[in-house]
């Protein structure tokens, strides 16, 4: 089998340079597509099912990490499903990112990509692909999900602080104070976050990624990249024929989709 790869890099010159270096370091590798944004990376990867992914961390729209999470959610599962691609993140020097990658044993390349470093990465990728078997095709996806959950987890604040108790939301010219104890759902919506209680919906400007570290994670569970729900309000969780989970909450009519990345909350299913 000829190994295949997909490159996601928004700078054409860097993408071409990586492809040229790969041709030297791994002549057998066939680069099936080169895309310039995270959404295209997800779409092309689902269609082409490459063995290897090279994802730039900073891309328009979805970042490399977010694209990997979206792809993990969209990746086929069940009998006959292909193994999840071995993934390498490509990044400019970022001490925090590199420490996070190393802590989770995630392979990465620094820009500009150096031939010696790429050669080591290629060797690791070849070893990973050689060890895969159809009987254990689901293991790469489970491993990737564990790594991605850790990498996407909100950073802990420098100083420990009390969980958020009250939400301040503007309604016209009025400032509303909503006790967090009344909130059932926080949901990202463009530049805002929707705050849903049993009786109303409000909008706040605090990004969800900034809100997450202020929430008690034993009370609120993240179920999707853009959704957090009150665990005690979960009424039912159902699995459809495709294996996707959806839940309903006491006091809300909406059905909430559960990303595969956060399905570990419901392992009993």
Protein backbone atom coordinates (compact mmCIF):
# COMPACT_ATOMS: atom_id res chain seq x y z
CA UNK A 1 0.00 0.00 0.00
CA UNK A 2 1.30 3.45 -0.94
CA UNK A 3 1.08 5.79 2.09
CA UNK A 4 -0.89 8.97 1.48
CA UNK A 5 -0.84 12.39 3.13
CA UNK A 6 -2.73 15.67 3.27
CA UNK A 7 -1.06 19.02 4.02
CA UNK A 8 -3.04 21.92 5.52
CA UNK A 9 -1.02 25.16 5.46
CA UNK A 10 -2.31 28.64 4.71
CA UNK A 11 1.04 29.97 3.44
CA UNK A 12 1.57 28.58 -0.09
CA UNK A 13 5.36 28.92 -0.02
CA UNK A 14 5.62 27.00 3.27
CA UNK A 15 3.22 24.34 1.98
CA UNK A 16 5.32 23.91 -1.17
CA UNK A 17 8.51 23.76 0.89
CA UNK A 18 7.08 21.06 3.18
CA UNK A 19 5.89 19.04 0.18
CA UNK A 20 9.35 19.31 -1.44
CA UNK A 21 11.11 18.23 1.77
CA UNK A 22 8.71 15.29 2.16
CA UNK A 23 9.50 14.17 -1.40
CA UNK A 24 13.15 13.90 -0.37
CA UNK A 25 12.63 12.41 3.10
CA UNK A 26 9.86 9.97 2.15
CA UNK A 27 9.76 9.39 -1.63
CA UNK A 28 7.04 6.72 -1.33
CA UNK A 29 4.61 9.11 0.37
CA UNK A 30 1.91 10.42 -1.95
CA UNK A 31 0.58 13.87 -1.02
CA UNK A 32 -3.01 13.71 -2.20
CA UNK A 33 -4.01 17.30 -1.45
CA UNK A 34 -2.70 20.60 -0.13
CA UNK A 35 -5.30 22.96 1.38
CA UNK A 36 -5.10 26.37 3.02
CA UNK A 37 -7.66 26.33 5.82
CA UNK A 38 -9.01 24.07 8.55
CA UNK A 39 -12.49 23.51 7.10
CA UNK A 40 -11.01 22.37 3.78
CA UNK A 41 -8.63 20.07 5.66
CA UNK A 42 -11.57 18.36 7.37
CA UNK A 43 -13.56 18.04 4.15
CA UNK A 44 -10.66 16.68 2.10
CA UNK A 45 -9.51 14.31 4.84
CA UNK A 46 -12.98 12.78 5.22
CA UNK A 47 -13.15 12.29 1.46
CA UNK A 48 -9.58 11.08 0.86
CA UNK A 49 -8.89 9.29 4.17
CA UNK A 50 -5.13 9.87 4.18
CA UNK A 51 -2.72 7.91 6.31
CA UNK A 52 -0.94 11.06 7.51
CA UNK A 53 -2.01 14.65 8.22
CA UNK A 54 0.24 17.70 8.45
CA UNK A 55 -1.82 20.46 10.08
CA UNK A 56 -0.70 24.04 10.52
CA UNK A 57 -1.69 25.26 13.97
CA UNK A 58 -2.76 28.76 12.86
CA UNK A 59 -5.07 28.78 9.85
CA UNK A 60 -8.09 30.87 8.82
CA UNK A 61 -11.29 29.70 10.46
CA UNK A 62 -10.50 26.47 12.26
CA UNK A 63 -7.06 26.15 13.82
CA UNK A 64 -5.10 22.97 13.29
CA UNK A 65 -6.24 21.63 16.67
CA UNK A 66 -9.86 22.55 16.00
CA UNK A 67 -9.69 20.96 12.55
CA UNK A 68 -8.32 17.75 14.07
CA UNK A 69 -11.19 17.75 16.57
CA UNK A 70 -13.77 18.31 13.81
CA UNK A 71 -12.20 15.54 11.77
CA UNK A 72 -12.27 13.14 14.72
CA UNK A 73 -15.99 13.82 15.05
CA UNK A 74 -16.61 13.24 11.34
CA UNK A 75 -14.31 10.24 10.91
CA UNK A 76 -16.13 6.99 9.99
CA UNK A 77 -16.34 4.33 12.66
CA UNK A 78 -17.45 0.75 12.89
CA UNK A 79 -16.38 -2.39 11.01
CA UNK A 80 -14.23 -1.61 7.99
CA UNK A 81 -13.55 1.99 9.03
CA UNK A 82 -10.00 3.20 8.22
CA UNK A 83 -7.61 4.11 11.06
CA UNK A 84 -7.55 7.78 12.00
CA UNK A 85 -4.62 9.55 10.29
CA UNK A 86 -1.31 9.88 12.09
CA UNK A 87 -1.23 13.63 12.73
CA UNK A 88 1.69 16.06 12.83
CA UNK A 89 1.12 19.68 13.82
CA UNK A 90 3.23 22.36 12.14
CA UNK A 91 3.80 25.53 14.11
CA UNK A 92 5.94 28.60 14.51
CA UNK A 93 7.91 28.62 17.74
CA UNK A 94 5.46 28.79 20.64
CA UNK A 95 6.79 27.62 24.00
CA UNK A 96 3.33 26.90 25.42
CA UNK A 97 2.26 24.88 22.37
CA UNK A 98 5.50 22.91 22.29
CA UNK A 99 5.24 22.05 26.00
CA UNK A 100 1.66 20.91 25.47
CA UNK A 101 2.61 18.76 22.48
CA UNK A 102 5.49 17.16 24.32
CA UNK A 103 3.35 16.47 27.39
CA UNK A 104 0.84 14.60 25.23
CA UNK A 105 3.47 12.91 23.03
CA UNK A 106 2.07 14.70 19.97
CA UNK A 107 4.42 15.00 17.02
CA UNK A 108 5.10 18.48 15.71
CA UNK A 109 7.34 20.34 13.28
CA UNK A 110 8.67 23.85 13.70
CA UNK A 111 8.57 26.37 10.86
CA UNK A 112 10.68 26.54 8.80
CA UNK A 113 10.87 22.76 8.62
CA UNK A 114 14.43 21.47 8.91
CA UNK A 115 15.39 18.28 6.97
CA UNK A 116 16.95 16.61 10.04
CA UNK A 117 13.85 17.14 12.17
CA UNK A 118 11.56 16.04 9.34
CA UNK A 119 13.60 12.85 8.90
CA UNK A 120 12.94 11.92 12.56
CA UNK A 121 9.25 12.63 12.16
CA UNK A 122 9.08 10.53 9.00
CA UNK A 123 10.72 7.61 10.80
CA UNK A 124 8.18 7.82 13.63
CA UNK A 125 5.30 8.01 11.18
CA UNK A 126 6.55 4.98 9.27
CA UNK A 127 6.79 3.03 12.52
CA UNK A 128 3.27 4.04 13.52
CA UNK A 129 1.80 3.02 10.15
CA UNK A 130 3.70 -0.30 10.18
CA UNK A 131 2.17 -1.21 13.55
CA UNK A 132 -1.44 -0.60 12.53
CA UNK A 133 -3.81 -3.46 11.82
CA UNK A 134 -7.44 -3.64 10.60
CA UNK A 135 -8.44 -5.49 13.77
CA UNK A 136 -7.37 -2.49 15.87
CA UNK A 137 -8.45 0.31 13.53
CA UNK A 138 -10.34 2.18 16.29
CA UNK A 139 -7.28 2.56 18.54
CA UNK A 140 -5.66 5.49 16.62
CA UNK A 141 -8.92 7.47 16.90
CA UNK A 142 -9.27 6.83 20.63
CA UNK A 143 -5.65 7.82 21.16
CA UNK A 144 -6.12 10.99 19.10
CA UNK A 145 -9.26 11.91 21.06
CA UNK A 146 -7.41 11.60 24.36
CA UNK A 147 -4.59 13.82 23.09
CA UNK A 148 -6.95 16.41 21.60
CA UNK A 149 -9.04 16.69 24.77
CA UNK A 150 -5.89 17.54 26.72
CA UNK A 151 -4.60 19.99 24.10
CA UNK A 152 -7.94 21.79 23.76
CA UNK A 153 -8.63 21.97 27.50
CA UNK A 154 -8.73 25.57 28.78
CA UNK A 155 -5.54 26.74 30.40
CA UNK A 156 -5.67 26.91 34.17
CA UNK A 157 -5.59 30.48 35.52
CA UNK A 158 -2.30 31.65 36.96
CA UNK A 159 -4.01 32.22 40.30
CA UNK A 160 -6.73 29.81 41.50
CA UNK A 161 -10.04 31.57 41.82
CA UNK A 162 -13.58 30.84 42.88
CA UNK A 163 -15.89 29.49 40.16
CA UNK A 164 -18.09 32.09 38.48
CA UNK A 165 -21.26 32.76 40.47
CA UNK A 166 -23.08 35.43 38.45
CA UNK A 167 -23.34 36.19 34.73
CA UNK A 168 -23.67 39.82 33.64
CA UNK A 169 -25.70 40.20 30.44
CA UNK A 170 -26.85 43.36 28.68
CA UNK A 171 -30.50 43.51 27.61
CA UNK A 172 -31.00 46.80 25.78
CA UNK A 173 -30.00 49.50 28.24
CA UNK A 174 -30.35 47.17 31.22
CA UNK A 175 -27.69 45.06 32.86
CA UNK A 176 -29.06 41.68 33.92
CA UNK A 177 -27.42 39.61 36.65
CA UNK A 178 -28.09 35.90 36.19
CA UNK A 179 -27.00 33.41 38.87
CA UNK A 180 -24.86 30.69 37.32
CA UNK A 181 -26.94 28.21 39.33
CA UNK A 182 -29.83 28.98 36.95
CA UNK A 183 -27.84 28.43 33.73
CA UNK A 184 -28.42 25.19 31.83
CA UNK A 185 -26.38 25.82 28.66
CA UNK A 186 -23.53 28.03 27.46
CA UNK A 187 -23.36 27.94 23.67
CA UNK A 188 -20.95 29.75 21.35
CA UNK A 189 -22.73 31.90 18.75
CA UNK A 190 -20.44 33.92 16.45
CA UNK A 191 -18.91 36.66 18.63
CA UNK A 192 -21.27 35.95 21.52
CA UNK A 193 -22.17 33.18 23.92
CA UNK A 194 -25.81 32.22 24.35
CA UNK A 195 -26.74 31.73 28.00
CA UNK A 196 -29.80 29.51 28.34
CA UNK A 197 -31.82 29.12 31.52
CA UNK A 198 -35.10 27.24 31.86
CA UNK A 199 -37.05 30.39 31.01
CA UNK A 200 -34.91 32.68 28.89
CA UNK A 201 -32.01 33.20 26.51
CA UNK A 202 -29.39 35.92 26.92
CA UNK A 203 -26.23 36.90 25.05
CA UNK A 204 -22.86 37.79 26.54
CA UNK A 205 -19.70 38.92 24.79
CA UNK A 206 -17.25 36.77 26.76
CA UNK A 207 -15.84 34.10 24.39
CA UNK A 208 -16.58 30.54 25.46
CA UNK A 209 -12.85 29.74 25.66
CA UNK A 210 -12.47 32.53 28.25
CA UNK A 211 -15.58 31.45 30.12
CA UNK A 212 -14.63 27.78 30.48
CA UNK A 213 -11.82 28.27 33.04
CA UNK A 214 -14.29 30.18 35.23
CA UNK A 215 -16.79 27.30 35.37
CA UNK A 216 -16.75 24.37 37.77
CA UNK A 217 -16.06 21.39 35.48
CA UNK A 218 -17.76 19.03 37.92
CA UNK A 219 -20.97 21.04 37.42
CA UNK A 220 -20.71 21.98 33.74
CA UNK A 221 -19.67 19.43 31.12
CA UNK A 222 -18.36 20.41 27.73
CA UNK A 223 -20.20 18.27 25.18
CA UNK A 224 -19.06 20.01 22.00
CA UNK A 225 -16.41 22.52 20.97
CA UNK A 226 -19.09 25.21 21.25
CA UNK A 227 -21.41 23.84 23.95
CA UNK A 228 -21.31 23.39 27.72
CA UNK A 229 -24.25 22.00 29.71
CA UNK A 230 -25.19 21.60 33.35
CA UNK A 231 -24.60 17.92 34.07
CA UNK A 232 -27.37 17.63 36.64
CA UNK A 233 -29.90 18.94 34.09
CA UNK A 234 -29.25 16.13 31.59
CA UNK A 235 -32.45 14.15 31.22
CA UNK A 236 -31.78 11.64 28.44
CA UNK A 237 -28.87 10.65 26.19
CA UNK A 238 -29.61 8.76 22.99
CA UNK A 239 -27.38 7.17 20.37
CA UNK A 240 -28.50 7.08 16.72
CA UNK A 241 -27.67 4.43 14.12
CA UNK A 242 -24.49 6.28 13.14
CA UNK A 243 -23.26 6.12 16.73
CA UNK A 244 -23.75 9.85 17.39
CA UNK A 245 -24.97 10.94 20.82
CA UNK A 246 -27.66 13.55 21.50
CA UNK A 247 -29.02 14.69 24.82
CA UNK A 248 -32.03 16.53 26.19
CA UNK A 249 -32.06 18.78 29.23
CA UNK A 250 -34.73 19.28 31.83
CA UNK A 251 -36.25 22.69 31.23
CA UNK A 252 -35.07 23.16 27.62
CA UNK A 253 -36.74 22.01 24.37
CA UNK A 254 -33.54 21.81 22.27
CA UNK A 255 -31.69 18.59 21.51
CA UNK A 256 -27.95 18.99 22.07
CA UNK A 257 -25.41 17.14 19.90
CA UNK A 258 -22.49 15.50 21.70
CA UNK A 259 -19.16 15.62 19.92
CA UNK A 260 -17.18 12.39 19.76
CA UNK A 261 -14.40 14.32 21.46
CA UNK A 262 -16.52 14.62 24.60
CA UNK A 263 -18.48 11.37 24.43
CA UNK A 264 -16.26 9.97 27.21
CA UNK A 265 -18.69 11.56 29.67
CA UNK A 266 -21.16 8.85 28.65
CA UNK A 267 -18.95 5.76 28.52
CA UNK A 268 -21.72 3.57 29.91
CA UNK A 269 -23.40 3.89 26.53
